[in-house]
Amino acid sequence: MHFTEEGVKVFKELFQKHRVAMAYVDGCLGLELFSEANQPASFATISKWKSQEHLEVYRQSELFNTIWKKIKPHFSEKAEAYSLVELNA
């Protein structure tokens, strides 16, 4: 996620405010926040879910929609989301 200068502040505040609630959503196995090393306005969250269905329930939740509505206007670029599957090599 890439944010405007003001968006960085808004995003950090929202993430800290809702971090615990997000981590305790049914099916969430973990939640981490990263920033890009040379781009302080770029962030990534990585969450691990019991199933794709649990993630979809979260994406339709009031919590997600509340956060999304507040943060969406502060993106400097279109946000991208990926669903990955773990490969056991």
PDB file of N, CA and C in Angstrom:
ATOM      1  N   MET A   1       0.854  -1.168   0.000  1.00  0.00           N
ATOM      2  CA  MET A   1       0.000   0.000   0.000  1.00  0.00           C
ATOM      3  C   MET A   1       0.895   1.224   0.000  1.00  0.00           C
ATOM      4  N   HIS A   2       0.570   2.168  -0.856  1.00  0.00           N
ATOM      5  CA  HIS A   2       1.342   3.404  -0.958  1.00  0.00           C
ATOM      6  C   HIS A   2       0.425   4.557  -0.545  1.00  0.00           C
ATOM      7  N   PHE A   3       0.921   5.383   0.370  1.00  0.00           N
ATOM      8  CA  PHE A   3       0.102   6.438   0.940  1.00  0.00           C
ATOM      9  C   PHE A   3       0.653   7.825   0.658  1.00  0.00           C
ATOM     10  N   THR A   4      -0.252   8.792   0.722  1.00  0.00           N
ATOM     11  CA  THR A   4       0.159  10.189   0.714  1.00  0.00           C
ATOM     12  C   THR A   4       0.844  10.466   2.050  1.00  0.00           C
ATOM     13  N   GLU A   5       1.472  11.606   2.165  1.00  0.00           N
ATOM     14  CA  GLU A   5       2.142  11.960   3.425  1.00  0.00           C
ATOM     15  C   GLU A   5       1.150  11.951   4.588  1.00  0.00           C
ATOM     16  N   GLU A   6       0.005  12.567   4.409  1.00  0.00           N
ATOM     17  CA  GLU A   6      -1.032  12.561   5.449  1.00  0.00           C
ATOM     18  C   GLU A   6      -1.555  11.146   5.666  1.00  0.00           C
ATOM     19  N   GLY A   7      -1.630  10.374   4.594  1.00  0.00           N
ATOM     20  CA  GLY A   7      -2.130   9.003   4.675  1.00  0.00           C
ATOM     21  C   GLY A   7      -1.281   8.104   5.550  1.00  0.00           C
ATOM     22  N   VAL A   8       0.015   8.331   5.574  1.00  0.00           N
ATOM     23  CA  VAL A   8       0.905   7.540   6.428  1.00  0.00           C
ATOM     24  C   VAL A   8       0.472   7.685   7.880  1.00  0.00           C
ATOM     25  N   LYS A   9       0.245   8.903   8.294  1.00  0.00           N
ATOM     26  CA  LYS A   9      -0.182   9.161   9.677  1.00  0.00           C
ATOM     27  C   LYS A   9      -1.528   8.498   9.962  1.00  0.00           C
ATOM     28  N   VAL A  10      -2.476   8.669   9.055  1.00  0.00           N
ATOM     29  CA  VAL A  10      -3.808   8.086   9.228  1.00  0.00           C
ATOM     30  C   VAL A  10      -3.711   6.563   9.295  1.00  0.00           C
ATOM     31  N   PHE A  11      -2.958   5.975   8.369  1.00  0.00           N
ATOM     32  CA  PHE A  11      -2.822   4.524   8.337  1.00  0.00           C
ATOM     33  C   PHE A  11      -2.211   3.988   9.631  1.00  0.00           C
ATOM     34  N   LYS A  12      -1.117   4.590  10.079  1.00  0.00           N
ATOM     35  CA  LYS A  12      -0.462   4.119  11.305  1.00  0.00           C
ATOM     36  C   LYS A  12      -1.400   4.210  12.504  1.00  0.00           C
ATOM     37  N   GLU A  13      -2.148   5.304  12.597  1.00  0.00           N
ATOM     38  CA  GLU A  13      -3.088   5.464  13.705  1.00  0.00           C
ATOM     39  C   GLU A  13      -4.192   4.411  13.646  1.00  0.00           C
ATOM     40  N   LEU A  14      -4.755   4.194  12.457  1.00  0.00           N
ATOM     41  CA  LEU A  14      -5.816   3.193  12.310  1.00  0.00           C
ATOM     42  C   LEU A  14      -5.303   1.789  12.591  1.00  0.00           C
ATOM     43  N   PHE A  15      -4.123   1.474  12.097  1.00  0.00           N
ATOM     44  CA  PHE A  15      -3.575   0.144  12.321  1.00  0.00           C
ATOM     45  C   PHE A  15      -3.374  -0.097  13.816  1.00  0.00           C
ATOM     46  N   GLN A  16      -2.783   0.848  14.507  1.00  0.00           N
ATOM     47  CA  GLN A  16      -2.567   0.675  15.947  1.00  0.00           C
ATOM     48  C   GLN A  16      -3.892   0.579  16.707  1.00  0.00           C
ATOM     49  N   LYS A  17      -4.852   1.374  16.304  1.00  0.00           N
ATOM     50  CA  LYS A  17      -6.157   1.371  16.980  1.00  0.00           C
ATOM     51  C   LYS A  17      -6.878   0.039  16.813  1.00  0.00           C
ATOM     52  N   HIS A  18      -6.776  -0.567  15.633  1.00  0.00           N
ATOM     53  CA  HIS A  18      -7.561  -1.763  15.322  1.00  0.00           C
ATOM     54  C   HIS A  18      -6.748  -3.051  15.262  1.00  0.00           C
ATOM     55  N   ARG A  19      -5.463  -2.976  15.502  1.00  0.00           N
ATOM     56  CA  ARG A  19      -4.580  -4.135  15.363  1.00  0.00           C
ATOM     57  C   ARG A  19      -5.058  -5.346  16.163  1.00  0.00           C
ATOM     58  N   VAL A  20      -5.380  -5.154  17.409  1.00  0.00           N
ATOM     59  CA  VAL A  20      -5.804  -6.268  18.260  1.00  0.00           C
ATOM     60  C   VAL A  20      -7.114  -6.858  17.759  1.00  0.00           C
ATOM     61  N   ALA A  21      -8.070  -6.004  17.426  1.00  0.00           N
ATOM     62  CA  ALA A  21      -9.364  -6.488  16.926  1.00  0.00           C
ATOM     63  C   ALA A  21      -9.173  -7.285  15.634  1.00  0.00           C
ATOM     64  N   MET A  22      -8.313  -6.798  14.743  1.00  0.00           N
ATOM     65  CA  MET A  22      -8.065  -7.514  13.486  1.00  0.00           C
ATOM     66  C   MET A  22      -7.427  -8.871  13.756  1.00  0.00           C
ATOM     67  N   ALA A  23      -6.484  -8.915  14.675  1.00  0.00           N
ATOM     68  CA  ALA A  23      -5.770 -10.158  14.972  1.00  0.00           C
ATOM     69  C   ALA A  23      -6.677 -11.201  15.626  1.00  0.00           C
ATOM     70  N   TYR A  24      -7.749 -10.763  16.263  1.00  0.00           N
ATOM     71  CA  TYR A  24      -8.648 -11.691  16.942  1.00  0.00           C
ATOM     72  C   TYR A  24      -9.910 -12.004  16.153  1.00  0.00           C
ATOM     73  N   VAL A  25      -9.944 -11.628  14.888  1.00  0.00           N
ATOM     74  CA  VAL A  25     -11.065 -12.010  14.036  1.00  0.00           C
ATOM     75  C   VAL A  25     -11.043 -13.524  13.888  1.00  0.00           C
ATOM     76  N   ASP A  26     -12.204 -14.144  13.924  1.00  0.00           N
ATOM     77  CA  ASP A  26     -12.295 -15.593  13.790  1.00  0.00           C
ATOM     78  C   ASP A  26     -11.557 -16.065  12.543  1.00  0.00           C
ATOM     79  N   GLY A  27     -10.637 -16.966  12.726  1.00  0.00           N
ATOM     80  CA  GLY A  27      -9.895 -17.537  11.611  1.00  0.00           C
ATOM     81  C   GLY A  27      -8.560 -16.881  11.333  1.00  0.00           C
ATOM     82  N   CYS A  28      -8.271 -15.736  11.962  1.00  0.00           N
ATOM     83  CA  CYS A  28      -6.990 -15.064  11.748  1.00  0.00           C
ATOM     84  C   CYS A  28      -5.926 -15.751  12.606  1.00  0.00           C
ATOM     85  N   LEU A  29      -4.862 -16.204  11.947  1.00  0.00           N
ATOM     86  CA  LEU A  29      -3.790 -16.900  12.647  1.00  0.00           C
ATOM     87  C   LEU A  29      -2.581 -16.010  12.903  1.00  0.00           C
ATOM     88  N   GLY A  30      -2.597 -14.804  12.358  1.00  0.00           N
ATOM     89  CA  GLY A  30      -1.478 -13.890  12.571  1.00  0.00           C
ATOM     90  C   GLY A  30      -1.602 -12.663  11.684  1.00  0.00           C
ATOM     91  N   LEU A  31      -1.031 -11.562  12.153  1.00  0.00           N
ATOM     92  CA  LEU A  31      -1.089 -10.292  11.440  1.00  0.00           C
ATOM     93  C   LEU A  31       0.219  -9.548  11.687  1.00  0.00           C
ATOM     94  N   GLU A  32       0.855  -9.120  10.584  1.00  0.00           N
ATOM     95  CA  GLU A  32       2.115  -8.382  10.690  1.00  0.00           C
ATOM     96  C   GLU A  32       2.066  -7.166   9.783  1.00  0.00           C
ATOM     97  N   LEU A  33       2.810  -6.137  10.162  1.00  0.00           N
ATOM     98  CA  LEU A  33       2.908  -4.906   9.378  1.00  0.00           C
ATOM     99  C   LEU A  33       4.367  -4.682   9.007  1.00  0.00           C
ATOM    100  N   PHE A  34       4.591  -4.351   7.737  1.00  0.00           N
ATOM    101  CA  PHE A  34       5.929  -4.073   7.233  1.00  0.00           C
ATOM    102  C   PHE A  34       5.918  -2.751   6.487  1.00  0.00           C
ATOM    103  N   SER A  35       7.067  -2.062   6.495  1.00  0.00           N
ATOM    104  CA  SER A  35       7.220  -0.890   5.636  1.00  0.00           C
ATOM    105  C   SER A  35       8.362  -1.179   4.677  1.00  0.00           C
ATOM    106  N   GLU A  36       8.288  -0.580   3.513  1.00  0.00           N
ATOM    107  CA  GLU A  36       9.334  -0.768   2.524  1.00  0.00           C
ATOM    108  C   GLU A  36      10.576  -0.022   2.998  1.00  0.00           C
ATOM    109  N   ALA A  37      11.723  -0.659   2.920  1.00  0.00           N
ATOM    110  CA  ALA A  37      12.956  -0.127   3.505  1.00  0.00           C
ATOM    111  C   ALA A  37      13.298   1.273   3.014  1.00  0.00           C
ATOM    112  N   ASN A  38      13.165   1.534   1.748  1.00  0.00           N
ATOM    113  CA  ASN A  38      13.565   2.826   1.188  1.00  0.00           C
ATOM    114  C   ASN A  38      12.390   3.710   0.787  1.00  0.00           C
ATOM    115  N   GLN A  39      11.193   3.300   1.174  1.00  0.00           N
ATOM    116  CA  GLN A  39       9.986   4.070   0.835  1.00  0.00           C
ATOM    117  C   GLN A  39       9.092   4.140   2.074  1.00  0.00           C
ATOM    118  N   PRO A  40       9.298   5.110   2.939  1.00  0.00           N
ATOM    119  CA  PRO A  40       8.565   5.159   4.214  1.00  0.00           C
ATOM    120  C   PRO A  40       7.056   5.350   4.080  1.00  0.00           C
ATOM    121  N   ALA A  41       6.565   5.639   2.887  1.00  0.00           N
ATOM    122  CA  ALA A  41       5.122   5.788   2.691  1.00  0.00           C
ATOM    123  C   ALA A  41       4.496   4.522   2.100  1.00  0.00           C
ATOM    124  N   SER A  42       5.280   3.440   2.030  1.00  0.00           N
ATOM    125  CA  SER A  42       4.796   2.176   1.467  1.00  0.00           C
ATOM    126  C   SER A  42       4.774   1.100   2.549  1.00  0.00           C
ATOM    127  N   PHE A  43       3.649   0.415   2.656  1.00  0.00           N
ATOM    128  CA  PHE A  43       3.446  -0.597   3.694  1.00  0.00           C
ATOM    129  C   PHE A  43       2.850  -1.862   3.106  1.00  0.00           C
ATOM    130  N   ALA A  44       3.022  -2.944   3.832  1.00  0.00           N
ATOM    131  CA  ALA A  44       2.358  -4.203   3.508  1.00  0.00           C
ATOM    132  C   ALA A  44       1.917  -4.844   4.809  1.00  0.00           C
ATOM    133  N   THR A  45       0.730  -5.380   4.802  1.00  0.00           N
ATOM    134  CA  THR A  45       0.285  -6.196   5.923  1.00  0.00           C
ATOM    135  C   THR A  45       0.258  -7.635   5.431  1.00  0.00           C
ATOM    136  N   ILE A  46       0.655  -8.533   6.293  1.00  0.00           N
ATOM    137  CA  ILE A  46       0.592  -9.953   5.973  1.00  0.00           C
ATOM    138  C   ILE A  46      -0.227 -10.612   7.071  1.00  0.00           C
ATOM    139  N   SER A  47      -1.291 -11.232   6.651  1.00  0.00           N
ATOM    140  CA  SER A  47      -2.136 -11.947   7.598  1.00  0.00           C
ATOM    141  C   SER A  47      -2.254 -13.394   7.146  1.00  0.00           C
ATOM    142  N   LYS A  48      -2.353 -14.282   8.109  1.00  0.00           N
ATOM    143  CA  LYS A  48      -2.486 -15.707   7.823  1.00  0.00           C
ATOM    144  C   LYS A  48      -3.860 -16.147   8.329  1.00  0.00           C
ATOM    145  N   TRP A  49      -4.573 -16.907   7.488  1.00  0.00           N
ATOM    146  CA  TRP A  49      -5.951 -17.294   7.780  1.00  0.00           C
ATOM    147  C   TRP A  49      -6.124 -18.805   7.755  1.00  0.00           C
ATOM    148  N   LYS A  50      -7.062 -19.295   8.571  1.00  0.00           N
ATOM    149  CA  LYS A  50      -7.376 -20.727   8.580  1.00  0.00           C
ATOM    150  C   LYS A  50      -7.841 -21.184   7.210  1.00  0.00           C
ATOM    151  N   SER A  51      -8.590 -20.330   6.520  1.00  0.00           N
ATOM    152  CA  SER A  51      -9.114 -20.682   5.200  1.00  0.00           C
ATOM    153  C   SER A  51      -9.437 -19.406   4.426  1.00  0.00           C
ATOM    154  N   GLN A  52      -9.593 -19.557   3.138  1.00  0.00           N
ATOM    155  CA  GLN A  52     -10.006 -18.441   2.288  1.00  0.00           C
ATOM    156  C   GLN A  52     -11.386 -17.941   2.713  1.00  0.00           C
ATOM    157  N   GLU A  53     -12.230 -18.837   3.179  1.00  0.00           N
ATOM    158  CA  GLU A  53     -13.576 -18.454   3.634  1.00  0.00           C
ATOM    159  C   GLU A  53     -13.507 -17.524   4.844  1.00  0.00           C
ATOM    160  N   HIS A  54     -12.587 -17.801   5.778  1.00  0.00           N
ATOM    161  CA  HIS A  54     -12.419 -16.921   6.940  1.00  0.00           C
ATOM    162  C   HIS A  54     -11.987 -15.524   6.486  1.00  0.00           C
ATOM    163  N   LEU A  55     -11.067 -15.467   5.529  1.00  0.00           N
ATOM    164  CA  LEU A  55     -10.622 -14.172   5.003  1.00  0.00           C
ATOM    165  C   LEU A  55     -11.774 -13.431   4.350  1.00  0.00           C
ATOM    166  N   GLU A  56     -12.583 -14.118   3.580  1.00  0.00           N
ATOM    167  CA  GLU A  56     -13.715 -13.473   2.900  1.00  0.00           C
ATOM    168  C   GLU A  56     -14.744 -12.944   3.900  1.00  0.00           C
ATOM    169  N   VAL A  57     -14.976 -13.672   4.972  1.00  0.00           N
ATOM    170  CA  VAL A  57     -15.891 -13.188   6.018  1.00  0.00           C
ATOM    171  C   VAL A  57     -15.343 -11.897   6.612  1.00  0.00           C
ATOM    172  N   TYR A  58     -14.022 -11.863   6.874  1.00  0.00           N
ATOM    173  CA  TYR A  58     -13.404 -10.637   7.398  1.00  0.00           C
ATOM    174  C   TYR A  58     -13.556  -9.488   6.408  1.00  0.00           C
ATOM    175  N   ARG A  59     -13.320  -9.751   5.130  1.00  0.00           N
ATOM    176  CA  ARG A  59     -13.420  -8.694   4.112  1.00  0.00           C
ATOM    177  C   ARG A  59     -14.826  -8.121   3.982  1.00  0.00           C
ATOM    178  N   GLN A  60     -15.814  -8.862   4.415  1.00  0.00           N
ATOM    179  CA  GLN A  60     -17.203  -8.389   4.376  1.00  0.00           C
ATOM    180  C   GLN A  60     -17.653  -7.819   5.732  1.00  0.00           C
ATOM    181  N   SER A  61     -16.763  -7.827   6.709  1.00  0.00           N
ATOM    182  CA  SER A  61     -17.131  -7.427   8.068  1.00  0.00           C
ATOM    183  C   SER A  61     -17.222  -5.913   8.232  1.00  0.00           C
ATOM    184  N   GLU A  62     -17.912  -5.520   9.271  1.00  0.00           N
ATOM    185  CA  GLU A  62     -18.022  -4.103   9.625  1.00  0.00           C
ATOM    186  C   GLU A  62     -16.645  -3.535   9.973  1.00  0.00           C
ATOM    187  N   LEU A  63     -15.831  -4.310  10.672  1.00  0.00           N
ATOM    188  CA  LEU A  63     -14.488  -3.853  11.047  1.00  0.00           C
ATOM    189  C   LEU A  63     -13.680  -3.506   9.800  1.00  0.00           C
ATOM    190  N   PHE A  64     -13.604  -4.418   8.841  1.00  0.00           N
ATOM    191  CA  PHE A  64     -12.849  -4.162   7.617  1.00  0.00           C
ATOM    192  C   PHE A  64     -13.391  -2.945   6.884  1.00  0.00           C
ATOM    193  N   ASN A  65     -14.707  -2.882   6.730  1.00  0.00           N
ATOM    194  CA  ASN A  65     -15.304  -1.771   5.986  1.00  0.00           C
ATOM    195  C   ASN A  65     -15.107  -0.428   6.672  1.00  0.00           C
ATOM    196  N   THR A  66     -15.122  -0.412   7.980  1.00  0.00           N
ATOM    197  CA  THR A  66     -14.866   0.821   8.725  1.00  0.00           C
ATOM    198  C   THR A  66     -13.445   1.322   8.464  1.00  0.00           C
ATOM    199  N   ILE A  67     -12.490   0.400   8.557  1.00  0.00           N
ATOM    200  CA  ILE A  67     -11.090   0.769   8.331  1.00  0.00           C
ATOM    201  C   ILE A  67     -10.886   1.184   6.882  1.00  0.00           C
ATOM    202  N   TRP A  68     -11.412   0.404   5.943  1.00  0.00           N
ATOM    203  CA  TRP A  68     -11.210   0.669   4.519  1.00  0.00           C
ATOM    204  C   TRP A  68     -11.749   2.035   4.113  1.00  0.00           C
ATOM    205  N   LYS A  69     -12.930   2.383   4.588  1.00  0.00           N
ATOM    206  CA  LYS A  69     -13.532   3.684   4.245  1.00  0.00           C
ATOM    207  C   LYS A  69     -12.663   4.847   4.712  1.00  0.00           C
ATOM    208  N   LYS A  70     -12.011   4.679   5.849  1.00  0.00           N
ATOM    209  CA  LYS A  70     -11.184   5.755   6.401  1.00  0.00           C
ATOM    210  C   LYS A  70      -9.831   5.860   5.708  1.00  0.00           C
ATOM    211  N   ILE A  71      -9.299   4.723   5.250  1.00  0.00           N
ATOM    212  CA  ILE A  71      -7.949   4.733   4.695  1.00  0.00           C
ATOM    213  C   ILE A  71      -7.927   4.887   3.181  1.00  0.00           C
ATOM    214  N   LYS A  72      -8.948   4.432   2.491  1.00  0.00           N
ATOM    215  CA  LYS A  72      -8.950   4.429   1.028  1.00  0.00           C
ATOM    216  C   LYS A  72      -8.647   5.794   0.406  1.00  0.00           C
ATOM    217  N   PRO A  73      -9.182   6.898   0.925  1.00  0.00           N
ATOM    218  CA  PRO A  73      -8.888   8.205   0.316  1.00  0.00           C
ATOM    219  C   PRO A  73      -7.425   8.635   0.431  1.00  0.00           C
ATOM    220  N   HIS A  74      -6.642   7.940   1.236  1.00  0.00           N
ATOM    221  CA  HIS A  74      -5.255   8.334   1.486  1.00  0.00           C
ATOM    222  C   HIS A  74      -4.220   7.557   0.679  1.00  0.00           C
ATOM    223  N   PHE A  75      -4.682   6.666  -0.199  1.00  0.00           N
ATOM    224  CA  PHE A  75      -3.734   5.941  -1.051  1.00  0.00           C
ATOM    225  C   PHE A  75      -3.189   6.876  -2.115  1.00  0.00           C
ATOM    226  N   SER A  76      -1.897   6.767  -2.396  1.00  0.00           N
ATOM    227  CA  SER A  76      -1.307   7.527  -3.497  1.00  0.00           C
ATOM    228  C   SER A  76      -1.292   6.695  -4.779  1.00  0.00           C
ATOM    229  N   GLU A  77      -1.486   5.385  -4.632  1.00  0.00           N
ATOM    230  CA  GLU A  77      -1.585   4.453  -5.757  1.00  0.00           C
ATOM    231  C   GLU A  77      -2.649   3.426  -5.403  1.00  0.00           C
ATOM    232  N   LYS A  78      -3.159   2.750  -6.418  1.00  0.00           N
ATOM    233  CA  LYS A  78      -4.149   1.706  -6.173  1.00  0.00           C
ATOM    234  C   LYS A  78      -3.539   0.611  -5.301  1.00  0.00           C
ATOM    235  N   ALA A  79      -4.272   0.212  -4.276  1.00  0.00           N
ATOM    236  CA  ALA A  79      -3.795  -0.851  -3.382  1.00  0.00           C
ATOM    237  C   ALA A  79      -3.917  -2.201  -4.073  1.00  0.00           C
ATOM    238  N   GLU A  80      -2.993  -3.098  -3.742  1.00  0.00           N
ATOM    239  CA  GLU A  80      -3.016  -4.449  -4.286  1.00  0.00           C
ATOM    240  C   GLU A  80      -3.122  -5.439  -3.141  1.00  0.00           C
ATOM    241  N   ALA A  81      -3.850  -6.519  -3.384  1.00  0.00           N
ATOM    242  CA  ALA A  81      -3.978  -7.585  -2.396  1.00  0.00           C
ATOM    243  C   ALA A  81      -3.729  -8.919  -3.092  1.00  0.00           C
ATOM    244  N   TYR A  82      -3.070  -9.798  -2.391  1.00  0.00           N
ATOM    245  CA  TYR A  82      -2.760 -11.121  -2.926  1.00  0.00           C
ATOM    246  C   TYR A  82      -3.158 -12.171  -1.904  1.00  0.00           C
ATOM    247  N   SER A  83      -3.695 -13.266  -2.395  1.00  0.00           N
ATOM    248  CA  SER A  83      -3.919 -14.442  -1.556  1.00  0.00           C
ATOM    249  C   SER A  83      -2.912 -15.474  -1.994  1.00  0.00           C
ATOM    250  N   LEU A  84      -2.081 -15.895  -1.063  1.00  0.00           N
ATOM    251  CA  LEU A  84      -1.000 -16.832  -1.350  1.00  0.00           C
ATOM    252  C   LEU A  84      -1.291 -18.163  -0.675  1.00  0.00           C
ATOM    253  N   VAL A  85      -0.754 -19.224  -1.241  1.00  0.00           N
ATOM    254  CA  VAL A  85      -0.834 -20.534  -0.611  1.00  0.00           C
ATOM    255  C   VAL A  85       0.580 -20.972  -0.250  1.00  0.00           C
ATOM    256  N   GLU A  86       0.710 -21.588   0.890  1.00  0.00           N
ATOM    257  CA  GLU A  86       2.013 -22.040   1.359  1.00  0.00           C
ATOM    258  C   GLU A  86       2.402 -23.327   0.622  1.00  0.00           C
ATOM    259  N   LEU A  87       3.616 -23.356   0.118  1.00  0.00           N
ATOM    260  CA  LEU A  87       4.134 -24.523  -0.561  1.00  0.00           C
ATOM    261  C   LEU A  87       5.157 -25.182   0.353  1.00  0.00           C
ATOM    262  N   ASN A  88       4.937 -26.409   0.656  1.00  0.00           N
ATOM    263  CA  ASN A  88       5.888 -27.156   1.487  1.00  0.00           C
ATOM    264  C   ASN A  88       6.859 -27.865   0.563  1.00  0.00           C
ATOM    265  N   ALA A  89       8.071 -27.352   0.523  1.00  0.00           N
ATOM    266  CA  ALA A  89       9.072 -27.914  -0.406  1.00  0.00           C
ATOM    267  C   ALA A  89       9.809 -29.074   0.213  1.00  0.00           C
TER     268      ALA A  89
END
